[in-house]
Amino acid sequence: MIILIFAANAVGGSGVRTGTLTFSAPVYEIEDLVAEMQEDGNNVLVTGKIRNLSHHPVKGYVIVYFKNGNDEVVRSAETDVNDKKPFAHGKAGTFETSANVGNTPDINNVVIEFVSR
């Protein structure tokens, strides 16, 4: 009788998980982010670093989102990180880009997204 109950649980599954589960988290960190409006009042220079927290080299690019007061993306720009070269665990790759936002009113926030390739 005990064997049959065990077999039913093994085949049908009891719905109870045992053991350790894994968790996902970002494998990078954005550091030293600066967004400065240039003197001409039309261009924003965005610079920063992406710190690699994964356990293997990464390379990729960032997407810079410019958001308005309603948290809507009103402009975006892309740029490579670390001149398209991979950077190792614990190291940081740098990026820099500028965007013309002269015709884009109400920019209140800059958001960075790192895309690994």
PDB file of N, CA and C in Angstrom:
ATOM      1  N   MET A   1       0.817  -1.191   0.000  1.00  0.00           N
ATOM      2  CA  MET A   1       0.000   0.000   0.000  1.00  0.00           C
ATOM      3  C   MET A   1       0.860   1.255   0.000  1.00  0.00           C
ATOM      4  N   ILE A   2       1.911   1.265   0.748  1.00  0.00           N
ATOM      5  CA  ILE A   2       2.796   2.423   0.792  1.00  0.00           C
ATOM      6  C   ILE A   2       3.454   2.627  -0.558  1.00  0.00           C
ATOM      7  N   ILE A   3       3.814   1.563  -1.218  1.00  0.00           N
ATOM      8  CA  ILE A   3       4.454   1.660  -2.523  1.00  0.00           C
ATOM      9  C   ILE A   3       3.507   2.288  -3.534  1.00  0.00           C
ATOM     10  N   LEU A   4       2.249   1.934  -3.516  1.00  0.00           N
ATOM     11  CA  LEU A   4       1.272   2.504  -4.438  1.00  0.00           C
ATOM     12  C   LEU A   4       1.076   3.998  -4.205  1.00  0.00           C
ATOM     13  N   ILE A   5       1.041   4.435  -2.999  1.00  0.00           N
ATOM     14  CA  ILE A   5       0.889   5.858  -2.702  1.00  0.00           C
ATOM     15  C   ILE A   5       2.112   6.614  -3.190  1.00  0.00           C
ATOM     16  N   PHE A   6       3.279   6.096  -2.935  1.00  0.00           N
ATOM     17  CA  PHE A   6       4.497   6.733  -3.399  1.00  0.00           C
ATOM     18  C   PHE A   6       4.521   6.805  -4.918  1.00  0.00           C
ATOM     19  N   ALA A   7       4.136   5.735  -5.587  1.00  0.00           N
ATOM     20  CA  ALA A   7       4.125   5.704  -7.046  1.00  0.00           C
ATOM     21  C   ALA A   7       3.139   6.725  -7.595  1.00  0.00           C
ATOM     22  N   ALA A   8       2.000   6.865  -6.967  1.00  0.00           N
ATOM     23  CA  ALA A   8       1.009   7.835  -7.431  1.00  0.00           C
ATOM     24  C   ALA A   8       1.552   9.251  -7.301  1.00  0.00           C
ATOM     25  N   ASN A   9       2.242   9.541  -6.213  1.00  0.00           N
ATOM     26  CA  ASN A   9       2.820  10.859  -6.048  1.00  0.00           C
ATOM     27  C   ASN A   9       3.955  11.101  -7.030  1.00  0.00           C
ATOM     28  N   ALA A  10       4.770  10.113  -7.303  1.00  0.00           N
ATOM     29  CA  ALA A  10       5.894  10.274  -8.215  1.00  0.00           C
ATOM     30  C   ALA A  10       5.411  10.472  -9.642  1.00  0.00           C
ATOM     31  N   VAL A  11       4.424   9.726 -10.066  1.00  0.00           N
ATOM     32  CA  VAL A  11       3.946   9.820 -11.442  1.00  0.00           C
ATOM     33  C   VAL A  11       3.039  11.023 -11.626  1.00  0.00           C
ATOM     34  N   GLY A  12       2.063  11.178 -10.750  1.00  0.00           N
ATOM     35  CA  GLY A  12       1.094  12.256 -10.897  1.00  0.00           C
ATOM     36  C   GLY A  12       1.608  13.576 -10.364  1.00  0.00           C
ATOM     37  N   GLY A  13       2.564  13.540  -9.508  1.00  0.00           N
ATOM     38  CA  GLY A  13       3.086  14.755  -8.902  1.00  0.00           C
ATOM     39  C   GLY A  13       2.190  15.217  -7.779  1.00  0.00           C
ATOM     40  N   SER A  14       2.780  15.553  -6.696  1.00  0.00           N
ATOM     41  CA  SER A  14       1.994  15.973  -5.544  1.00  0.00           C
ATOM     42  C   SER A  14       1.744  17.466  -5.538  1.00  0.00           C
ATOM     43  N   GLY A  15       2.430  18.207  -6.377  1.00  0.00           N
ATOM     44  CA  GLY A  15       2.279  19.650  -6.379  1.00  0.00           C
ATOM     45  C   GLY A  15       3.153  20.341  -5.351  1.00  0.00           C
ATOM     46  N   VAL A  16       3.919  19.591  -4.584  1.00  0.00           N
ATOM     47  CA  VAL A  16       4.797  20.166  -3.578  1.00  0.00           C
ATOM     48  C   VAL A  16       6.224  20.057  -4.099  1.00  0.00           C
ATOM     49  N   ARG A  17       6.904  21.201  -4.174  1.00  0.00           N
ATOM     50  CA  ARG A  17       8.295  21.201  -4.628  1.00  0.00           C
ATOM     51  C   ARG A  17       9.224  21.100  -3.439  1.00  0.00           C
ATOM     52  N   THR A  18      10.303  20.395  -3.638  1.00  0.00           N
ATOM     53  CA  THR A  18      11.330  20.331  -2.610  1.00  0.00           C
ATOM     54  C   THR A  18      12.648  20.725  -3.246  1.00  0.00           C
ATOM     55  N   GLY A  19      13.603  21.061  -2.454  1.00  0.00           N
ATOM     56  CA  GLY A  19      14.912  21.431  -2.960  1.00  0.00           C
ATOM     57  C   GLY A  19      15.043  22.938  -3.087  1.00  0.00           C
ATOM     58  N   THR A  20      16.150  23.368  -3.634  1.00  0.00           N
ATOM     59  CA  THR A  20      16.453  24.781  -3.756  1.00  0.00           C
ATOM     60  C   THR A  20      15.991  25.301  -5.106  1.00  0.00           C
ATOM     61  N   LEU A  21      15.337  26.431  -5.101  1.00  0.00           N
ATOM     62  CA  LEU A  21      14.916  27.091  -6.330  1.00  0.00           C
ATOM     63  C   LEU A  21      15.946  28.150  -6.698  1.00  0.00           C
ATOM     64  N   THR A  22      16.034  28.473  -7.960  1.00  0.00           N
ATOM     65  CA  THR A  22      16.955  29.515  -8.390  1.00  0.00           C
ATOM     66  C   THR A  22      16.194  30.824  -8.561  1.00  0.00           C
ATOM     67  N   PHE A  23      16.912  31.914  -8.518  1.00  0.00           N
ATOM     68  CA  PHE A  23      16.341  33.242  -8.667  1.00  0.00           C
ATOM     69  C   PHE A  23      17.053  33.961  -9.794  1.00  0.00           C
ATOM     70  N   SER A  24      16.327  34.803 -10.498  1.00  0.00           N
ATOM     71  CA  SER A  24      16.917  35.620 -11.546  1.00  0.00           C
ATOM     72  C   SER A  24      17.046  37.046 -11.044  1.00  0.00           C
ATOM     73  N   ALA A  25      18.104  37.685 -11.445  1.00  0.00           N
ATOM     74  CA  ALA A  25      18.330  39.081 -11.089  1.00  0.00           C
ATOM     75  C   ALA A  25      19.170  39.698 -12.193  1.00  0.00           C
ATOM     76  N   PRO A  26      19.144  41.012 -12.296  1.00  0.00           N
ATOM     77  CA  PRO A  26      19.999  41.640 -13.308  1.00  0.00           C
ATOM     78  C   PRO A  26      21.453  41.242 -13.099  1.00  0.00           C
ATOM     79  N   VAL A  27      22.164  41.056 -14.173  1.00  0.00           N
ATOM     80  CA  VAL A  27      23.563  40.662 -14.090  1.00  0.00           C
ATOM     81  C   VAL A  27      24.474  41.836 -14.433  1.00  0.00           C
ATOM     82  N   TYR A  28      23.946  43.027 -14.276  1.00  0.00           N
ATOM     83  CA  TYR A  28      24.736  44.225 -14.500  1.00  0.00           C
ATOM     84  C   TYR A  28      24.209  45.338 -13.598  1.00  0.00           C
ATOM     85  N   GLU A  29      25.016  46.375 -13.463  1.00  0.00           N
ATOM     86  CA  GLU A  29      24.649  47.525 -12.651  1.00  0.00           C
ATOM     87  C   GLU A  29      25.035  48.777 -13.417  1.00  0.00           C
ATOM     88  N   ILE A  30      24.193  49.785 -13.386  1.00  0.00           N
ATOM     89  CA  ILE A  30      24.491  51.059 -14.040  1.00  0.00           C
ATOM     90  C   ILE A  30      25.151  51.962 -13.011  1.00  0.00           C
ATOM     91  N   GLU A  31      26.308  52.523 -13.388  1.00  0.00           N
ATOM     92  CA  GLU A  31      27.070  53.369 -12.475  1.00  0.00           C
ATOM     93  C   GLU A  31      27.409  54.694 -13.141  1.00  0.00           C
ATOM     94  N   ASP A  32      27.649  55.699 -12.311  1.00  0.00           N
ATOM     95  CA  ASP A  32      28.151  57.005 -12.758  1.00  0.00           C
ATOM     96  C   ASP A  32      27.335  57.591 -13.912  1.00  0.00           C
ATOM     97  N   LEU A  33      26.042  57.434 -13.864  1.00  0.00           N
ATOM     98  CA  LEU A  33      25.173  57.954 -14.919  1.00  0.00           C
ATOM     99  C   LEU A  33      25.077  59.473 -14.809  1.00  0.00           C
ATOM    100  N   VAL A  34      25.366  60.149 -15.929  1.00  0.00           N
ATOM    101  CA  VAL A  34      25.278  61.601 -15.991  1.00  0.00           C
ATOM    102  C   VAL A  34      24.543  61.967 -17.269  1.00  0.00           C
ATOM    103  N   ALA A  35      23.551  62.849 -17.140  1.00  0.00           N
ATOM    104  CA  ALA A  35      22.831  63.390 -18.301  1.00  0.00           C
ATOM    105  C   ALA A  35      22.884  64.908 -18.182  1.00  0.00           C
ATOM    106  N   GLU A  36      23.622  65.533 -19.089  1.00  0.00           N
ATOM    107  CA  GLU A  36      23.830  66.976 -19.028  1.00  0.00           C
ATOM    108  C   GLU A  36      23.307  67.655 -20.284  1.00  0.00           C
ATOM    109  N   MET A  37      22.489  68.672 -20.083  1.00  0.00           N
ATOM    110  CA  MET A  37      22.045  69.495 -21.201  1.00  0.00           C
ATOM    111  C   MET A  37      23.224  70.352 -21.635  1.00  0.00           C
ATOM    112  N   GLN A  38      23.518  70.358 -22.914  1.00  0.00           N
ATOM    113  CA  GLN A  38      24.629  71.135 -23.436  1.00  0.00           C
ATOM    114  C   GLN A  38      24.238  72.613 -23.523  1.00  0.00           C
ATOM    115  N   GLU A  39      25.228  73.477 -23.678  1.00  0.00           N
ATOM    116  CA  GLU A  39      25.000  74.917 -23.669  1.00  0.00           C
ATOM    117  C   GLU A  39      24.031  75.376 -24.745  1.00  0.00           C
ATOM    118  N   ASP A  40      23.956  74.643 -25.863  1.00  0.00           N
ATOM    119  CA  ASP A  40      23.060  75.067 -26.933  1.00  0.00           C
ATOM    120  C   ASP A  40      21.587  74.843 -26.585  1.00  0.00           C
ATOM    121  N   GLY A  41      21.318  74.109 -25.503  1.00  0.00           N
ATOM    122  CA  GLY A  41      19.949  73.878 -25.059  1.00  0.00           C
ATOM    123  C   GLY A  41      19.193  72.845 -25.876  1.00  0.00           C
ATOM    124  N   ASN A  42      19.843  72.239 -26.860  1.00  0.00           N
ATOM    125  CA  ASN A  42      19.183  71.263 -27.722  1.00  0.00           C
ATOM    126  C   ASN A  42      19.698  69.843 -27.550  1.00  0.00           C
ATOM    127  N   ASN A  43      20.920  69.700 -27.103  1.00  0.00           N
ATOM    128  CA  ASN A  43      21.552  68.385 -27.025  1.00  0.00           C
ATOM    129  C   ASN A  43      21.808  67.972 -25.579  1.00  0.00           C
ATOM    130  N   VAL A  44      21.550  66.691 -25.299  1.00  0.00           N
ATOM    131  CA  VAL A  44      21.831  66.111 -23.991  1.00  0.00           C
ATOM    132  C   VAL A  44      22.952  65.098 -24.168  1.00  0.00           C
ATOM    133  N   LEU A  45      23.993  65.213 -23.362  1.00  0.00           N
ATOM    134  CA  LEU A  45      25.094  64.261 -23.354  1.00  0.00           C
ATOM    135  C   LEU A  45      24.857  63.294 -22.201  1.00  0.00           C
ATOM    136  N   VAL A  46      24.826  62.000 -22.509  1.00  0.00           N
ATOM    137  CA  VAL A  46      24.594  60.965 -21.500  1.00  0.00           C
ATOM    138  C   VAL A  46      25.826  60.068 -21.456  1.00  0.00           C
ATOM    139  N   THR A  47      26.396  59.918 -20.257  1.00  0.00           N
ATOM    140  CA  THR A  47      27.560  59.048 -20.067  1.00  0.00           C
ATOM    141  C   THR A  47      27.312  58.152 -18.858  1.00  0.00           C
ATOM    142  N   GLY A  48      28.015  57.039 -18.820  1.00  0.00           N
ATOM    143  CA  GLY A  48      27.896  56.146 -17.681  1.00  0.00           C
ATOM    144  C   GLY A  48      28.724  54.899 -17.864  1.00  0.00           C
ATOM    145  N   LYS A  49      28.537  53.978 -16.924  1.00  0.00           N
ATOM    146  CA  LYS A  49      29.241  52.693 -16.944  1.00  0.00           C
ATOM    147  C   LYS A  49      28.246  51.575 -16.683  1.00  0.00           C
ATOM    148  N   ILE A  50      28.523  50.422 -17.264  1.00  0.00           N
ATOM    149  CA  ILE A  50      27.777  49.199 -16.990  1.00  0.00           C
ATOM    150  C   ILE A  50      28.735  48.237 -16.301  1.00  0.00           C
ATOM    151  N   ARG A  51      28.440  47.876 -15.054  1.00  0.00           N
ATOM    152  CA  ARG A  51      29.276  46.936 -14.306  1.00  0.00           C
ATOM    153  C   ARG A  51      28.754  45.520 -14.545  1.00  0.00           C
ATOM    154  N   ASN A  52      29.632  44.617 -14.950  1.00  0.00           N
ATOM    155  CA  ASN A  52      29.287  43.227 -15.246  1.00  0.00           C
ATOM    156  C   ASN A  52      29.264  42.415 -13.954  1.00  0.00           C
ATOM    157  N   LEU A  53      28.083  41.988 -13.528  1.00  0.00           N
ATOM    158  CA  LEU A  53      27.942  41.162 -12.331  1.00  0.00           C
ATOM    159  C   LEU A  53      27.760  39.685 -12.663  1.00  0.00           C
ATOM    160  N   SER A  54      27.722  39.367 -13.959  1.00  0.00           N
ATOM    161  CA  SER A  54      27.587  37.963 -14.355  1.00  0.00           C
ATOM    162  C   SER A  54      28.929  37.272 -14.171  1.00  0.00           C
ATOM    163  N   HIS A  55      28.947  35.988 -14.396  1.00  0.00           N
ATOM    164  CA  HIS A  55      30.187  35.233 -14.210  1.00  0.00           C
ATOM    165  C   HIS A  55      30.852  34.891 -15.534  1.00  0.00           C
ATOM    166  N   HIS A  56      30.542  35.674 -16.568  1.00  0.00           N
ATOM    167  CA  HIS A  56      31.188  35.491 -17.866  1.00  0.00           C
ATOM    168  C   HIS A  56      31.294  36.850 -18.542  1.00  0.00           C
ATOM    169  N   PRO A  57      32.199  37.004 -19.488  1.00  0.00           N
ATOM    170  CA  PRO A  57      32.322  38.280 -20.187  1.00  0.00           C
ATOM    171  C   PRO A  57      31.024  38.618 -20.937  1.00  0.00           C
ATOM    172  N   VAL A  58      30.691  39.901 -20.986  1.00  0.00           N
ATOM    173  CA  VAL A  58      29.516  40.360 -21.726  1.00  0.00           C
ATOM    174  C   VAL A  58      29.907  41.507 -22.638  1.00  0.00           C
ATOM    175  N   LYS A  59      29.114  41.702 -23.667  1.00  0.00           N
ATOM    176  CA  LYS A  59      29.230  42.898 -24.490  1.00  0.00           C
ATOM    177  C   LYS A  59      27.831  43.244 -24.958  1.00  0.00           C
ATOM    178  N   GLY A  60      27.655  44.483 -25.332  1.00  0.00           N
ATOM    179  CA  GLY A  60      26.330  44.888 -25.749  1.00  0.00           C
ATOM    180  C   GLY A  60      26.236  46.390 -25.960  1.00  0.00           C
ATOM    181  N   TYR A  61      25.016  46.880 -25.864  1.00  0.00           N
ATOM    182  CA  TYR A  61      24.759  48.300 -26.070  1.00  0.00           C
ATOM    183  C   TYR A  61      23.714  48.767 -25.072  1.00  0.00           C
ATOM    184  N   VAL A  62      23.604  50.087 -24.944  1.00  0.00           N
ATOM    185  CA  VAL A  62      22.579  50.652 -24.076  1.00  0.00           C
ATOM    186  C   VAL A  62      21.561  51.389 -24.930  1.00  0.00           C
ATOM    187  N   ILE A  63      20.343  51.375 -24.444  1.00  0.00           N
ATOM    188  CA  ILE A  63      19.285  52.208 -25.005  1.00  0.00           C
ATOM    189  C   ILE A  63      19.002  53.270 -23.947  1.00  0.00           C
ATOM    190  N   VAL A  64      19.066  54.522 -24.363  1.00  0.00           N
ATOM    191  CA  VAL A  64      18.792  55.642 -23.471  1.00  0.00           C
ATOM    192  C   VAL A  64      17.378  56.124 -23.792  1.00  0.00           C
ATOM    193  N   TYR A  65      16.508  56.080 -22.794  1.00  0.00           N
ATOM    194  CA  TYR A  65      15.131  56.534 -22.952  1.00  0.00           C
ATOM    195  C   TYR A  65      14.980  57.887 -22.256  1.00  0.00           C
ATOM    196  N   PHE A  66      14.449  58.849 -22.973  1.00  0.00           N
ATOM    197  CA  PHE A  66      14.130  60.150 -22.406  1.00  0.00           C
ATOM    198  C   PHE A  66      12.632  60.171 -22.156  1.00  0.00           C
ATOM    199  N   LYS A  67      12.246  60.400 -20.896  1.00  0.00           N
ATOM    200  CA  LYS A  67      10.834  60.337 -20.529  1.00  0.00           C
ATOM    201  C   LYS A  67      10.319  61.706 -20.096  1.00  0.00           C
ATOM    202  N   ASN A  68       9.027  61.920 -20.336  1.00  0.00           N
ATOM    203  CA  ASN A  68       8.402  63.172 -19.936  1.00  0.00           C
ATOM    204  C   ASN A  68       7.804  63.055 -18.541  1.00  0.00           C
ATOM    205  N   GLY A  69       7.086  64.079 -18.113  1.00  0.00           N
ATOM    206  CA  GLY A  69       6.491  64.105 -16.785  1.00  0.00           C
ATOM    207  C   GLY A  69       5.436  63.043 -16.558  1.00  0.00           C
ATOM    208  N   ASN A  70       4.881  62.475 -17.625  1.00  0.00           N
ATOM    209  CA  ASN A  70       3.891  61.402 -17.526  1.00  0.00           C
ATOM    210  C   ASN A  70       4.535  60.021 -17.614  1.00  0.00           C
ATOM    211  N   ASP A  71       5.860  59.963 -17.518  1.00  0.00           N
ATOM    212  CA  ASP A  71       6.631  58.729 -17.602  1.00  0.00           C
ATOM    213  C   ASP A  71       6.502  58.043 -18.965  1.00  0.00           C
ATOM    214  N   GLU A  72       6.287  58.837 -20.009  1.00  0.00           N
ATOM    215  CA  GLU A  72       6.199  58.319 -21.376  1.00  0.00           C
ATOM    216  C   GLU A  72       7.529  58.557 -22.077  1.00  0.00           C
ATOM    217  N   VAL A  73       7.975  57.597 -22.866  1.00  0.00           N
ATOM    218  CA  VAL A  73       9.204  57.756 -23.646  1.00  0.00           C
ATOM    219  C   VAL A  73       8.909  58.699 -24.806  1.00  0.00           C
ATOM    220  N   VAL A  74       9.650  59.805 -24.861  1.00  0.00           N
ATOM    221  CA  VAL A  74       9.453  60.786 -25.923  1.00  0.00           C
ATOM    222  C   VAL A  74      10.622  60.824 -26.904  1.00  0.00           C
ATOM    223  N   ARG A  75      11.711  60.177 -26.543  1.00  0.00           N
ATOM    224  CA  ARG A  75      12.890  60.105 -27.412  1.00  0.00           C
ATOM    225  C   ARG A  75      13.760  58.967 -26.905  1.00  0.00           C
ATOM    226  N   SER A  76      14.559  58.384 -27.786  1.00  0.00           N
ATOM    227  CA  SER A  76      15.511  57.352 -27.367  1.00  0.00           C
ATOM    228  C   SER A  76      16.752  57.425 -28.236  1.00  0.00           C
ATOM    229  N   ALA A  77      17.830  56.845 -27.740  1.00  0.00           N
ATOM    230  CA  ALA A  77      19.092  56.768 -28.476  1.00  0.00           C
ATOM    231  C   ALA A  77      19.791  55.483 -28.066  1.00  0.00           C
ATOM    232  N   GLU A  78      20.594  54.927 -28.966  1.00  0.00           N
ATOM    233  CA  GLU A  78      21.364  53.713 -28.686  1.00  0.00           C
ATOM    234  C   GLU A  78      22.844  53.999 -28.873  1.00  0.00           C
ATOM    235  N   THR A  79      23.659  53.316 -28.077  1.00  0.00           N
ATOM    236  CA  THR A  79      25.105  53.415 -28.239  1.00  0.00           C
ATOM    237  C   THR A  79      25.776  52.157 -27.696  1.00  0.00           C
ATOM    238  N   ASP A  80      26.912  51.823 -28.270  1.00  0.00           N
ATOM    239  CA  ASP A  80      27.666  50.643 -27.839  1.00  0.00           C
ATOM    240  C   ASP A  80      28.344  50.898 -26.498  1.00  0.00           C
ATOM    241  N   VAL A  81      28.559  49.817 -25.767  1.00  0.00           N
ATOM    242  CA  VAL A  81      29.279  49.864 -24.492  1.00  0.00           C
ATOM    243  C   VAL A  81      30.666  49.289 -24.708  1.00  0.00           C
ATOM    244  N   ASN A  82      31.660  49.962 -24.141  1.00  0.00           N
ATOM    245  CA  ASN A  82      33.044  49.478 -24.160  1.00  0.00           C
ATOM    246  C   ASN A  82      33.577  49.304 -25.583  1.00  0.00           C
ATOM    247  N   ASP A  83      33.169  50.180 -26.479  1.00  0.00           N
ATOM    248  CA  ASP A  83      33.606  50.124 -27.888  1.00  0.00           C
ATOM    249  C   ASP A  83      33.402  48.749 -28.518  1.00  0.00           C
ATOM    250  N   LYS A  84      32.286  48.117 -28.214  1.00  0.00           N
ATOM    251  CA  LYS A  84      31.896  46.799 -28.750  1.00  0.00           C
ATOM    252  C   LYS A  84      32.769  45.643 -28.258  1.00  0.00           C
ATOM    253  N   LYS A  85      33.634  45.897 -27.280  1.00  0.00           N
ATOM    254  CA  LYS A  85      34.512  44.846 -26.760  1.00  0.00           C
ATOM    255  C   LYS A  85      33.881  44.226 -25.505  1.00  0.00           C
ATOM    256  N   PRO A  86      34.064  42.901 -25.294  1.00  0.00           N
ATOM    257  CA  PRO A  86      33.546  42.277 -24.079  1.00  0.00           C
ATOM    258  C   PRO A  86      34.275  42.793 -22.839  1.00  0.00           C
ATOM    259  N   PHE A  87      33.575  42.777 -21.716  1.00  0.00           N
ATOM    260  CA  PHE A  87      34.204  43.119 -20.446  1.00  0.00           C
ATOM    261  C   PHE A  87      33.855  42.048 -19.421  1.00  0.00           C
ATOM    262  N   ALA A  88      34.844  41.729 -18.595  1.00  0.00           N
ATOM    263  CA  ALA A  88      34.796  40.567 -17.699  1.00  0.00           C
ATOM    264  C   ALA A  88      33.977  40.831 -16.438  1.00  0.00           C
ATOM    265  N   HIS A  89      33.727  39.744 -15.704  1.00  0.00           N
ATOM    266  CA  HIS A  89      33.036  39.815 -14.406  1.00  0.00           C
ATOM    267  C   HIS A  89      33.728  40.829 -13.498  1.00  0.00           C
ATOM    268  N   GLY A  90      32.944  41.713 -12.914  1.00  0.00           N
ATOM    269  CA  GLY A  90      33.481  42.705 -11.998  1.00  0.00           C
ATOM    270  C   GLY A  90      33.997  43.964 -12.655  1.00  0.00           C
ATOM    271  N   LYS A  91      34.187  43.938 -13.951  1.00  0.00           N
ATOM    272  CA  LYS A  91      34.689  45.097 -14.690  1.00  0.00           C
ATOM    273  C   LYS A  91      33.521  45.933 -15.201  1.00  0.00           C
ATOM    274  N   ALA A  92      33.817  47.187 -15.568  1.00  0.00           N
ATOM    275  CA  ALA A  92      32.789  48.084 -16.084  1.00  0.00           C
ATOM    276  C   ALA A  92      33.155  48.540 -17.491  1.00  0.00           C
ATOM    277  N   GLY A  93      32.163  48.572 -18.348  1.00  0.00           N
ATOM    278  CA  GLY A  93      32.308  49.125 -19.684  1.00  0.00           C
ATOM    279  C   GLY A  93      31.656  50.494 -19.717  1.00  0.00           C
ATOM    280  N   THR A  94      32.245  51.416 -20.443  1.00  0.00           N
ATOM    281  CA  THR A  94      31.732  52.785 -20.482  1.00  0.00           C
ATOM    282  C   THR A  94      30.901  53.024 -21.742  1.00  0.00           C
ATOM    283  N   PHE A  95      30.042  54.018 -21.661  1.00  0.00           N
ATOM    284  CA  PHE A  95      29.262  54.444 -22.827  1.00  0.00           C
ATOM    285  C   PHE A  95      29.085  55.955 -22.795  1.00  0.00           C
ATOM    286  N   GLU A  96      28.840  56.505 -23.979  1.00  0.00           N
ATOM    287  CA  GLU A  96      28.597  57.937 -24.121  1.00  0.00           C
ATOM    288  C   GLU A  96      27.787  58.154 -25.386  1.00  0.00           C
ATOM    289  N   THR A  97      26.772  58.968 -25.282  1.00  0.00           N
ATOM    290  CA  THR A  97      25.980  59.318 -26.456  1.00  0.00           C
ATOM    291  C   THR A  97      25.356  60.680 -26.241  1.00  0.00           C
ATOM    292  N   SER A  98      24.954  61.297 -27.323  1.00  0.00           N
ATOM    293  CA  SER A  98      24.219  62.552 -27.211  1.00  0.00           C
ATOM    294  C   SER A  98      22.975  62.451 -28.076  1.00  0.00           C
ATOM    295  N   ALA A  99      21.982  63.222 -27.703  1.00  0.00           N
ATOM    296  CA  ALA A  99      20.724  63.225 -28.450  1.00  0.00           C
ATOM    297  C   ALA A  99      20.217  64.650 -28.549  1.00  0.00           C
ATOM    298  N   ASN A 100      19.683  64.980 -29.710  1.00  0.00           N
ATOM    299  CA  ASN A 100      19.071  66.280 -29.910  1.00  0.00           C
ATOM    300  C   ASN A 100      17.648  66.208 -29.390  1.00  0.00           C
ATOM    301  N   VAL A 101      17.375  66.968 -28.353  1.00  0.00           N
ATOM    302  CA  VAL A 101      16.043  66.970 -27.740  1.00  0.00           C
ATOM    303  C   VAL A 101      15.402  68.349 -27.822  1.00  0.00           C
ATOM    304  N   GLY A 102      15.926  69.170 -28.709  1.00  0.00           N
ATOM    305  CA  GLY A 102      15.438  70.548 -28.822  1.00  0.00           C
ATOM    306  C   GLY A 102      13.960  70.661 -29.123  1.00  0.00           C
ATOM    307  N   ASN A 103      13.405  69.749 -29.903  1.00  0.00           N
ATOM    308  CA  ASN A 103      11.989  69.782 -30.246  1.00  0.00           C
ATOM    309  C   ASN A 103      11.155  68.876 -29.357  1.00  0.00           C
ATOM    310  N   THR A 104      11.747  68.374 -28.289  1.00  0.00           N
ATOM    311  CA  THR A 104      11.050  67.449 -27.405  1.00  0.00           C
ATOM    312  C   THR A 104      10.812  68.129 -26.063  1.00  0.00           C
ATOM    313  N   PRO A 105       9.585  68.550 -25.804  1.00  0.00           N
ATOM    314  CA  PRO A 105       9.322  69.266 -24.550  1.00  0.00           C
ATOM    315  C   PRO A 105       9.221  68.319 -23.347  1.00  0.00           C
ATOM    316  N   ASP A 106       9.407  68.871 -22.184  1.00  0.00           N
ATOM    317  CA  ASP A 106       9.070  68.206 -20.926  1.00  0.00           C
ATOM    318  C   ASP A 106       9.869  66.935 -20.638  1.00  0.00           C
ATOM    319  N   ILE A 107      11.160  66.908 -20.951  1.00  0.00           N
ATOM    320  CA  ILE A 107      11.967  65.750 -20.577  1.00  0.00           C
ATOM    321  C   ILE A 107      12.326  65.885 -19.100  1.00  0.00           C
ATOM    322  N   ASN A 108      11.897  64.897 -18.311  1.00  0.00           N
ATOM    323  CA  ASN A 108      12.118  64.935 -16.870  1.00  0.00           C
ATOM    324  C   ASN A 108      13.002  63.812 -16.362  1.00  0.00           C
ATOM    325  N   ASN A 109      13.199  62.761 -17.165  1.00  0.00           N
ATOM    326  CA  ASN A 109      13.856  61.569 -16.650  1.00  0.00           C
ATOM    327  C   ASN A 109      14.627  60.881 -17.778  1.00  0.00           C
ATOM    328  N   VAL A 110      15.741  60.261 -17.408  1.00  0.00           N
ATOM    329  CA  VAL A 110      16.533  59.468 -18.351  1.00  0.00           C
ATOM    330  C   VAL A 110      16.636  58.063 -17.770  1.00  0.00           C
ATOM    331  N   VAL A 111      16.317  57.056 -18.590  1.00  0.00           N
ATOM    332  CA  VAL A 111      16.364  55.659 -18.166  1.00  0.00           C
ATOM    333  C   VAL A 111      17.321  54.917 -19.090  1.00  0.00           C
ATOM    334  N   ILE A 112      18.151  54.051 -18.514  1.00  0.00           N
ATOM    335  CA  ILE A 112      19.144  53.298 -19.281  1.00  0.00           C
ATOM    336  C   ILE A 112      18.776  51.825 -19.249  1.00  0.00           C
ATOM    337  N   GLU A 113      18.840  51.179 -20.409  1.00  0.00           N
ATOM    338  CA  GLU A 113      18.645  49.736 -20.509  1.00  0.00           C
ATOM    339  C   GLU A 113      19.860  49.137 -21.198  1.00  0.00           C
ATOM    340  N   PHE A 114      20.496  48.145 -20.567  1.00  0.00           N
ATOM    341  CA  PHE A 114      21.621  47.454 -21.171  1.00  0.00           C
ATOM    342  C   PHE A 114      21.119  46.211 -21.880  1.00  0.00           C
ATOM    343  N   VAL A 115      21.541  46.040 -23.130  1.00  0.00           N
ATOM    344  CA  VAL A 115      21.159  44.884 -23.932  1.00  0.00           C
ATOM    345  C   VAL A 115      22.424  44.091 -24.238  1.00  0.00           C
ATOM    346  N   SER A 116      22.486  42.868 -23.737  1.00  0.00           N
ATOM    347  CA  SER A 116      23.635  42.015 -23.963  1.00  0.00           C
ATOM    348  C   SER A 116      23.470  41.307 -25.303  1.00  0.00           C
ATOM    349  N   ARG A 117      24.568  41.169 -26.050  1.00  0.00           N
ATOM    350  CA  ARG A 117      24.490  40.427 -27.306  1.00  0.00           C
ATOM    351  C   ARG A 117      25.581  39.412 -27.419  1.00  0.00           C
TER     352      ARG A 117
END
